[in-house]
Each structure stands twice: as C-alpha cells, then as structure tokens.
C-alpha cells in the first residue's frame, strides 16, 4: 500500500512538473509586434446578412487577424452607411481594428472594384492628359482624374474626412494609386504649369506631395489614425523611392503575388508584380524613411496553376520581416475558391508566431 501511495505521489509530482514546464515555455506564442490584416471586400453591401458577416469576422479572428480592411466607395458613403457601421461595430466587439480602403476615388485609387469612379463623370474637366493630348479614360474604370486639379484634392479631402468622421475607423489604406503608372503621366495644362519640363521624377514628387497634404489633414482630424500606403510591386524605382517620402504615413509597402518572378503569368513590367525581390524593394525604402513595413498577398483572381505556386511559396513569404501582412479573405476568384482559402488558413496564422 505504501509503495502504491509513493508511486502515485511521484507520478503526480512528475505531472505537475510537466504542466509547469508547459506553462512557462509555451510551444508557440504570437509575436505582438506583428499585425495581420484581412482585405474584406465581401461584406455584403446592399444585401448584408448580419449572421454571415459575424461568421466571417469570427473566422478571421480565429486566424489571428488584427485588422479588418473594408473597401468604401463614394456610393457606399451615400447608401451603405448602416452596413459599414455594422461591420465596424462587430469587428470592434471582437477586438479587431477597422481600416477603410477609399476605393476608385477619382480613378486614382484602386481598392474595391465594384463601380467606376463617379467623380470623373461629373467632373470630366479634371481628366489626366497624355503627352499626345488624349484623355486617359480606362475602359474598365472610367476617367483618371488629375491630382494637380484643385477640385480633385478637395474631393479627396471631403470624402476621406467624411469617412473618418462618420465611421469609427482606426486607419486608412491608400491602395495602388494609378497615377504612378509611367504611361499615365499627366501633361495637362495644370501639370505643365507646375512641372514645365515634364520631368517624371518631379511628377512623382508632386504625386507624393498630394498624398502628404491629404494625410496631414486627416491626422489633424484624428491624430491616432493609422495611414498605410502601398503600390504594385511592378512599379519603377522612382515611384518606390519618392512614395516612401509621403508625409503622415505609418506603414509603407507593396502588393503582389506570393511566388517568384519566373512563375508570373503577366507580361511586360507587370511580370514583376511579385513579392519576392520586387516587393522587398518597398520594405527597404520604408525602413530608410523610418516607416513600418507592410505587404499585401494577392491571393485573389488566381488560376489553378497560380494556386499551385501560392501553396508552394506562401510559407516563405510569411517569413519576411514585415510589420503588417495583409491577405484577402475570399474576394473574387477564377478557380477553386475554397482551395484558395484553405491555403490561406493553413499558412497565414503562422505569421505572428515567427
């Protein structure tokens, strides 16, 4: 009997030591300095189903998501106020922040692609002019307005300050500004007035100044607001260097596909729209300008072959030294939606544990 009691006592002591060891040295703890954000453009605007949104938010939270990024267009501000507030409120209840992605603003920003930029249709005189004198009107997204035009600046200020004042936002994301594409440099009279030599470097510096002024006004309105700026990984070095100097930024980086250049399906300069090497150029400039780094994994609109590439290389991408990593929560796809999200769910939560 004494031997049995002694054996039981020793077993309990061993179990207690094991439990203590497990408690003092957890196998994997999240890195509190890293942030994970989800591009959530499927919030059900116009036909929002509350329980579906709650389930989505719970799913993102389970992956370790800190920030929900919702696209907001001009029409959303007018007609989806209640839906936006619902998503923001539900996210905040779960301890997640909400960043707005001002989308298709005057044709300049990207983001949620569900409507063409209305501003240009009502203000056609603000259109960007090519060197040959022709206006830049995209078949897919309408008029690209000029950031040199004072009405465009006022529009940006009006729309974004309204977003910040009406919705309890924690941040703003400037997504892939289209004005930086070298083929769309502005040669309008206002552009030439400010840049008579038509210098591309000066043009991009003026672009950076435009966003600096918007950012600083937003910071005056809400000093704690976080502002993120990123561009496509295929942009040239002038864009990468000068955009990193935009004032009022907290995070700076790039978006692109999560696999190497040789596997890209694009042609021309967009063949480099990949995070390895080209996306990392943005990270270098961010650090040089004392900004936090970010990357958006473009896991949307992928073919089955591209999903194969993503599945293979995403584990490497999430090991980059990045402060903020964004991914698409569902979104729009070419093939196999569920497989796409399975790849994300399998890998993305490891980012904060590295």
Foldseek 3Di string as FASTA:
>chain_A
DVVVVVVVVVVVVVVVVVVVVCVVDPPFDFFPLAAEEAEEAPCQAPHHDLVVLLVLLVVCVVLVHAEYEYEDEPVCLVRVLVSLQSNQVSNVVSNHAYEYEYDQQLPFFHRDQPAAHPVCVVVVVQFFAFPVGDTDADPRHGGRGDLLDPVSLVSLLVVVLSCVVSHVHQEYERHAGPCQPPRRPGPDPSVCVQVVVSDSLVSLLVVLVSQLVSLVVVCVVPVRYAYEYEHFLLGDPSNLQNNLPRPNHAEYWHEAAQADLVQAPDDDSNSRRYCPPSRVSSVVNNVVSVHFYEYEHELAADDPSSLVRCLVRVLVVLPDPHRYYYYYPQDHYDDDSPSSVVSCSVHVSCSRRD
